[in-house]
N, C-alpha and C. Protein backbone atom coordinates (compact mmCIF):
# COMPACT_ATOMS: atom_id res chain seq x y z
N ARG A 1 170.67 25.74 53.58
CA ARG A 1 171.22 25.14 52.39
C ARG A 1 170.99 23.63 52.35
N LYS A 2 170.90 23.03 53.51
CA LYS A 2 170.77 21.58 53.59
C LYS A 2 169.52 21.09 52.85
N PHE A 3 168.46 21.89 52.87
CA PHE A 3 167.21 21.45 52.25
C PHE A 3 166.93 22.16 50.93
N THR A 4 167.99 22.70 50.30
CA THR A 4 167.86 23.33 48.99
C THR A 4 168.34 22.34 47.94
N GLU A 5 167.52 22.10 46.93
CA GLU A 5 167.89 21.16 45.89
C GLU A 5 168.13 21.87 44.57
N VAL A 6 168.93 21.26 43.71
CA VAL A 6 169.28 21.83 42.42
C VAL A 6 168.34 21.27 41.36
N VAL A 7 167.83 22.18 40.51
CA VAL A 7 166.94 21.80 39.42
C VAL A 7 167.55 22.31 38.11
N ARG A 8 167.58 21.47 37.10
CA ARG A 8 168.14 21.87 35.80
C ARG A 8 167.05 22.40 34.88
N LEU A 9 167.46 23.21 33.91
CA LEU A 9 166.50 23.70 32.92
C LEU A 9 165.83 22.54 32.19
N SER A 10 166.59 21.47 31.95
CA SER A 10 166.01 20.32 31.27
C SER A 10 164.89 19.68 32.10
N ASP A 11 164.98 19.77 33.44
CA ASP A 11 163.90 19.28 34.30
C ASP A 11 162.63 20.11 34.10
N LEU A 12 162.81 21.44 33.98
CA LEU A 12 161.66 22.32 33.76
C LEU A 12 161.03 22.05 32.40
N GLU A 13 161.87 21.75 31.42
CA GLU A 13 161.39 21.46 30.06
C GLU A 13 160.47 20.24 30.07
N ARG A 14 160.83 19.22 30.86
CA ARG A 14 160.05 17.98 30.88
C ARG A 14 158.71 18.12 31.59
N LEU A 15 158.61 19.10 32.51
CA LEU A 15 157.34 19.30 33.21
C LEU A 15 156.31 19.84 32.21
N GLY A 16 155.10 19.38 32.29
CA GLY A 16 154.08 19.81 31.35
C GLY A 16 153.27 21.01 31.81
N VAL A 17 153.86 21.85 32.66
CA VAL A 17 153.11 22.99 33.20
C VAL A 17 153.83 24.30 32.88
N ASP A 18 153.08 25.39 32.86
CA ASP A 18 153.64 26.70 32.56
C ASP A 18 154.03 27.48 33.80
N GLU A 19 153.39 27.17 34.95
CA GLU A 19 153.69 27.83 36.22
C GLU A 19 154.45 26.84 37.10
N ILE A 20 155.68 27.19 37.45
CA ILE A 20 156.51 26.26 38.21
C ILE A 20 156.90 26.89 39.54
N ASP A 21 156.59 26.18 40.63
CA ASP A 21 157.02 26.59 41.97
C ASP A 21 157.46 25.34 42.73
N LEU A 22 157.80 25.50 44.00
CA LEU A 22 158.31 24.37 44.77
C LEU A 22 157.29 23.23 44.86
N GLY A 23 156.02 23.58 45.03
CA GLY A 23 154.97 22.56 45.09
C GLY A 23 154.86 21.75 43.81
N THR A 24 155.00 22.42 42.68
CA THR A 24 154.95 21.74 41.38
C THR A 24 156.11 20.76 41.26
N LEU A 25 157.31 21.20 41.67
CA LEU A 25 158.49 20.34 41.58
C LEU A 25 158.36 19.12 42.50
N LYS A 26 157.80 19.32 43.68
CA LYS A 26 157.60 18.19 44.60
C LYS A 26 156.57 17.21 44.04
N ALA A 27 155.48 17.74 43.49
CA ALA A 27 154.42 16.87 42.95
C ALA A 27 154.93 16.03 41.79
N ALA A 28 155.87 16.57 41.03
CA ALA A 28 156.41 15.86 39.87
C ALA A 28 157.64 15.01 40.23
N ASN A 29 157.96 14.94 41.52
CA ASN A 29 159.12 14.18 42.00
C ASN A 29 160.44 14.65 41.41
N VAL A 30 160.54 15.94 41.09
CA VAL A 30 161.79 16.51 40.62
C VAL A 30 162.70 16.80 41.81
N VAL A 31 162.08 17.23 42.93
CA VAL A 31 162.83 17.44 44.18
C VAL A 31 162.19 16.59 45.28
N SER A 32 162.92 16.40 46.35
CA SER A 32 162.43 15.63 47.48
C SER A 32 161.26 16.33 48.15
N ILE A 33 160.41 15.56 48.76
CA ILE A 33 159.28 16.11 49.51
C ILE A 33 159.78 16.92 50.71
N LEU A 34 161.01 16.67 51.15
CA LEU A 34 161.60 17.38 52.28
C LEU A 34 162.25 18.71 51.88
N ALA A 35 162.38 18.97 50.59
CA ALA A 35 163.04 20.19 50.12
C ALA A 35 162.29 21.42 50.61
N GLN A 36 163.04 22.40 51.11
CA GLN A 36 162.44 23.66 51.54
C GLN A 36 162.63 24.75 50.51
N ASN A 37 163.54 24.52 49.57
CA ASN A 37 163.79 25.47 48.50
C ASN A 37 164.46 24.74 47.35
N ALA A 38 164.47 25.40 46.19
CA ALA A 38 165.15 24.82 45.03
C ALA A 38 165.84 25.94 44.28
N ARG A 39 166.91 25.60 43.59
CA ARG A 39 167.66 26.57 42.80
C ARG A 39 167.77 26.04 41.39
N VAL A 40 167.36 26.85 40.43
CA VAL A 40 167.40 26.45 39.02
C VAL A 40 168.76 26.85 38.46
N ILE A 41 169.43 25.88 37.81
CA ILE A 41 170.75 26.15 37.22
C ILE A 41 170.68 26.00 35.70
N LEU A 42 171.66 26.59 35.04
CA LEU A 42 171.76 26.52 33.59
C LEU A 42 172.37 25.19 33.19
N SER A 43 171.53 24.20 32.98
CA SER A 43 171.97 22.88 32.54
C SER A 43 170.85 22.32 31.69
N GLY A 44 171.18 22.00 30.46
CA GLY A 44 170.15 21.58 29.52
C GLY A 44 169.58 22.80 28.82
N SER A 45 168.44 22.62 28.17
CA SER A 45 167.86 23.74 27.43
C SER A 45 166.37 23.86 27.74
N LEU A 46 165.86 25.04 27.47
CA LEU A 46 164.45 25.33 27.68
C LEU A 46 163.92 25.96 26.40
N THR A 47 162.91 25.35 25.81
CA THR A 47 162.40 25.84 24.53
C THR A 47 160.99 26.39 24.62
N ARG A 48 160.40 26.36 25.81
CA ARG A 48 159.03 26.87 25.93
C ARG A 48 158.94 27.89 27.05
N LYS A 49 157.85 28.66 27.01
CA LYS A 49 157.64 29.74 27.97
C LYS A 49 157.14 29.17 29.30
N VAL A 50 157.86 29.48 30.37
CA VAL A 50 157.44 29.08 31.70
C VAL A 50 157.59 30.26 32.66
N THR A 51 156.81 30.24 33.73
CA THR A 51 156.94 31.22 34.80
C THR A 51 157.43 30.49 36.03
N VAL A 52 158.56 30.92 36.54
CA VAL A 52 159.16 30.31 37.73
C VAL A 52 158.87 31.22 38.91
N ARG A 53 158.22 30.68 39.95
CA ARG A 53 157.82 31.48 41.11
C ARG A 53 158.51 31.01 42.39
N GLY A 54 159.15 31.95 43.08
CA GLY A 54 159.66 31.69 44.42
C GLY A 54 160.83 30.74 44.51
N LEU A 55 161.54 30.52 43.43
CA LEU A 55 162.70 29.63 43.44
C LEU A 55 163.96 30.44 43.20
N GLY A 56 165.08 29.95 43.70
CA GLY A 56 166.36 30.58 43.38
C GLY A 56 166.71 30.26 41.94
N VAL A 57 167.30 31.24 41.25
CA VAL A 57 167.64 31.06 39.84
C VAL A 57 169.01 31.69 39.60
N THR A 58 169.92 30.94 38.97
CA THR A 58 171.23 31.51 38.64
C THR A 58 171.07 32.51 37.50
N LYS A 59 172.09 33.36 37.32
CA LYS A 59 172.04 34.37 36.25
C LYS A 59 171.84 33.72 34.89
N GLY A 60 172.59 32.66 34.62
CA GLY A 60 172.50 31.99 33.33
C GLY A 60 171.14 31.36 33.10
N ALA A 61 170.58 30.76 34.15
CA ALA A 61 169.26 30.13 34.03
C ALA A 61 168.19 31.19 33.81
N ARG A 62 168.31 32.33 34.52
CA ARG A 62 167.35 33.43 34.35
C ARG A 62 167.38 33.92 32.90
N ALA A 63 168.58 34.09 32.35
CA ALA A 63 168.72 34.56 30.97
C ALA A 63 168.08 33.57 29.99
N ALA A 64 168.27 32.27 30.23
CA ALA A 64 167.70 31.25 29.35
C ALA A 64 166.18 31.22 29.44
N ILE A 65 165.64 31.36 30.65
CA ILE A 65 164.19 31.36 30.85
C ILE A 65 163.57 32.57 30.14
N GLU A 66 164.19 33.73 30.31
CA GLU A 66 163.69 34.95 29.68
C GLU A 66 163.86 34.91 28.16
N ALA A 67 164.94 34.30 27.68
CA ALA A 67 165.15 34.18 26.23
C ALA A 67 164.07 33.30 25.59
N ALA A 68 163.54 32.34 26.36
CA ALA A 68 162.50 31.45 25.85
C ALA A 68 161.11 32.11 25.98
N GLY A 69 161.08 33.35 26.48
CA GLY A 69 159.79 34.05 26.61
C GLY A 69 159.17 33.92 27.98
N GLY A 70 159.85 33.28 28.88
CA GLY A 70 159.31 33.07 30.23
C GLY A 70 159.72 34.19 31.17
N SER A 71 159.40 33.99 32.47
CA SER A 71 159.74 35.00 33.46
C SER A 71 160.05 34.34 34.80
N VAL A 72 160.75 35.10 35.64
CA VAL A 72 161.09 34.65 36.99
C VAL A 72 160.44 35.63 37.96
N VAL A 73 159.59 35.12 38.86
CA VAL A 73 158.89 35.95 39.83
C VAL A 73 159.34 35.57 41.23
N ASP A 74 159.79 36.55 41.98
CA ASP A 74 160.20 36.30 43.37
C ASP A 74 158.98 36.37 44.26
N ASN A 75 158.94 35.51 45.28
CA ASN A 75 157.86 35.60 46.28
C ASN A 75 158.12 36.79 47.18
N GLU A 76 157.15 37.63 47.34
CA GLU A 76 157.28 38.80 48.21
C GLU A 76 156.51 38.57 49.47
């Protein structure tokens, strides 16, 4: 948990990419370079389609991402 950072839907909205994973968040300085994981929470709004890969997502954030036409993919 120590290296898990919180990401808001509004942060995803500001990113100019459709595929979002931990590397994308680090490159955009949304999370620390030391972060080992990130969790997306329902804060702000998302108006475009994005695919979230390998990140933790709360129920509310998942519903908002899917309502905007996007998807959440778990790393297997």
